[in-house]
Protein backbone atom coordinates (compact mmCIF):
# COMPACT_ATOMS: atom_id res chain seq x y z
CA UNK A 1 -20.24 -86.28 146.50
CA UNK A 2 -17.73 -84.04 144.82
CA UNK A 3 -15.60 -84.71 141.79
CA UNK A 4 -12.35 -86.46 142.70
CA UNK A 5 -9.73 -87.46 140.11
CA UNK A 6 -9.17 -90.81 141.85
CA UNK A 7 -12.87 -91.73 142.06
CA UNK A 8 -13.76 -95.08 140.46
CA UNK A 9 -15.40 -94.41 137.08
CA UNK A 10 -17.22 -97.02 134.99
CA UNK A 11 -17.49 -96.69 131.21
CA UNK A 12 -20.17 -98.89 129.64
CA UNK A 13 -20.27 -99.23 125.85
CA UNK A 14 -20.52 -102.25 123.56
CA UNK A 15 -17.92 -100.75 121.21
CA UNK A 16 -14.36 -101.13 122.49
CA UNK A 17 -13.21 -98.21 120.32
CA UNK A 18 -15.74 -95.89 121.97
CA UNK A 19 -14.71 -97.08 125.45
CA UNK A 20 -11.10 -96.34 124.55
CA UNK A 21 -11.96 -92.84 123.25
CA UNK A 22 -13.95 -92.01 126.40
CA UNK A 23 -11.22 -93.46 128.63
CA UNK A 24 -8.61 -91.29 126.87
CA UNK A 25 -10.78 -88.20 127.34
CA UNK A 26 -11.32 -88.98 131.03
CA UNK A 27 -7.59 -89.54 131.50
CA UNK A 28 -6.93 -86.14 129.88
CA UNK A 29 -9.39 -84.65 132.40
CA UNK A 30 -7.40 -86.18 135.26
CA UNK A 31 -9.38 -89.32 136.08
CA UNK A 32 -7.09 -92.15 137.17
CA UNK A 33 -9.33 -95.02 138.30
CA UNK A 34 -11.34 -96.13 135.25
CA UNK A 35 -12.97 -99.51 134.65
CA UNK A 36 -14.95 -100.70 131.63
CA UNK A 37 -17.87 -102.97 130.75
CA UNK A 38 -19.26 -103.91 127.35
CA UNK A 39 -22.96 -104.00 128.30
CA UNK A 40 -25.35 -103.30 131.15
CA UNK A 41 -25.22 -106.85 132.50
CA UNK A 42 -21.41 -106.84 132.77
CA UNK A 43 -21.60 -103.31 134.22
CA UNK A 44 -23.90 -104.51 137.03
CA UNK A 45 -21.41 -107.31 137.76
CA UNK A 46 -18.54 -104.79 137.85
CA UNK A 47 -20.46 -102.47 140.18
CA UNK A 48 -21.40 -105.32 142.53
CA UNK A 49 -17.83 -106.63 142.55
CA UNK A 50 -16.34 -103.17 143.25
CA UNK A 51 -18.91 -102.62 146.02
CA UNK A 52 -18.02 -105.94 147.70
CA UNK A 53 -14.32 -105.01 147.58
CA UNK A 54 -15.07 -101.73 149.35
CA UNK A 55 -14.06 -99.72 146.25
CA UNK A 56 -17.47 -98.61 144.95
CA UNK A 57 -18.07 -97.13 141.53
CA UNK A 58 -18.62 -93.39 142.02
CA UNK A 59 -19.52 -92.28 138.48
CA UNK A 60 -21.05 -94.08 135.47
CA UNK A 61 -20.86 -93.12 131.80
CA UNK A 62 -23.06 -95.43 129.75
CA UNK A 63 -24.01 -95.77 126.13
CA UNK A 64 -27.75 -96.03 125.44
CA UNK A 65 -27.76 -98.49 122.54
CA UNK A 66 -26.23 -101.79 123.62
CA UNK A 67 -27.22 -105.43 123.20
CA UNK A 68 -28.54 -107.54 126.08
CA UNK A 69 -29.12 -104.82 128.71
CA UNK A 70 -29.24 -101.35 127.11
CA UNK A 71 -28.34 -98.07 128.79
CA UNK A 72 -31.89 -97.23 129.86
CA UNK A 73 -32.47 -100.70 131.35
CA UNK A 74 -29.08 -100.46 133.08
CA UNK A 75 -29.97 -97.00 134.47
CA UNK A 76 -33.27 -98.34 135.85
CA UNK A 77 -31.50 -101.31 137.48
CA UNK A 78 -28.98 -98.98 139.14
CA UNK A 79 -31.62 -96.54 140.38
CA UNK A 80 -33.75 -99.43 141.77
CA UNK A 81 -30.84 -100.67 143.92
CA UNK A 82 -30.49 -98.83 147.25
CA UNK A 83 -26.75 -99.50 147.37
CA UNK A 84 -26.15 -97.91 143.97
CA UNK A 85 -29.02 -95.50 143.29
CA UNK A 86 -26.99 -92.39 144.15
CA UNK A 87 -24.16 -93.05 141.69
CA UNK A 88 -24.02 -90.12 139.23
CA UNK A 89 -25.00 -91.35 135.76
CA UNK A 90 -24.12 -89.74 132.40
CA UNK A 91 -25.96 -91.25 129.42
CA UNK A 92 -24.13 -91.26 126.10
CA UNK A 93 -26.29 -91.54 123.02
CA UNK A 94 -26.22 -91.10 119.28
CA UNK A 95 -29.85 -89.97 119.42
CA UNK A 96 -30.99 -86.76 121.02
CA UNK A 97 -34.68 -87.52 120.54
CA UNK A 98 -36.70 -85.58 123.11
CA UNK A 99 -38.83 -88.60 124.05
CA UNK A 100 -35.73 -90.62 124.91
CA UNK A 101 -34.29 -87.77 126.94
CA UNK A 102 -37.52 -87.46 128.96
CA UNK A 103 -37.68 -91.23 129.53
CA UNK A 104 -34.13 -91.26 130.89
CA UNK A 105 -34.72 -88.15 133.03
CA UNK A 106 -37.75 -89.85 134.60
CA UNK A 107 -35.57 -92.91 135.23
CA UNK A 108 -33.03 -90.74 137.11
CA UNK A 109 -30.23 -89.93 134.66
CA UNK A 110 -28.04 -87.01 135.77
CA UNK A 111 -27.12 -85.70 132.31
CA UNK A 112 -26.80 -86.55 128.62
CA UNK A 113 -24.10 -86.27 126.04
CA UNK A 114 -24.69 -86.81 122.31
CA UNK A 115 -22.12 -88.53 120.09
CA UNK A 116 -19.83 -87.31 118.71
CA UNK A 117 -18.48 -85.09 121.48
CA UNK A 118 -15.22 -83.44 122.49
CA UNK A 119 -13.27 -83.73 125.75
CA UNK A 120 -14.36 -80.14 126.51
CA UNK A 121 -18.06 -81.01 126.17
CA UNK A 122 -17.52 -84.12 128.31
CA UNK A 123 -15.82 -81.99 130.99
CA UNK A 124 -18.70 -79.49 130.96
CA UNK A 125 -21.27 -82.29 131.42
CA UNK A 126 -19.27 -83.86 134.26
CA UNK A 127 -18.81 -80.46 135.94
CA UNK A 128 -22.58 -79.83 135.75
CA UNK A 129 -23.41 -83.20 137.28
CA UNK A 130 -21.08 -82.73 140.25
CA UNK A 131 -21.96 -79.04 140.75
CA UNK A 132 -25.66 -79.95 140.87
CA UNK A 133 -24.99 -82.79 143.32
CA UNK A 134 -22.80 -80.56 145.52
CA UNK A 135 -25.54 -77.91 145.62
CA UNK A 136 -28.13 -80.52 146.58
CA UNK A 137 -25.98 -81.97 149.38
């Protein structure tokens, strides 16, 4: 899958301000089809709903620290589901602890970004994810 500006992108973060910041950055980068969820449970519902409508989510940006279903649990649920396991996943975290990074890599995360970050850093991470996926295809 290559990067397409009209691909359906899901932002998952329990803080509405952070979702708004990320959405603004993605819009600046040319993304046009952005949906949001406030935790992993609502994100799963959004992904399932979009899939049933024939408009699947094609890229996920998720915070790590969230109540109910956190980013790592959400990642594991996505990767365990055959219908969704190939969705590119960018984990957003305030902690760059090596142990956490390794845990998420083993769970199948495509890349990491540490808060705070700029639109340029976000673009670089997204470009890396889709370049790596294009090379593997």
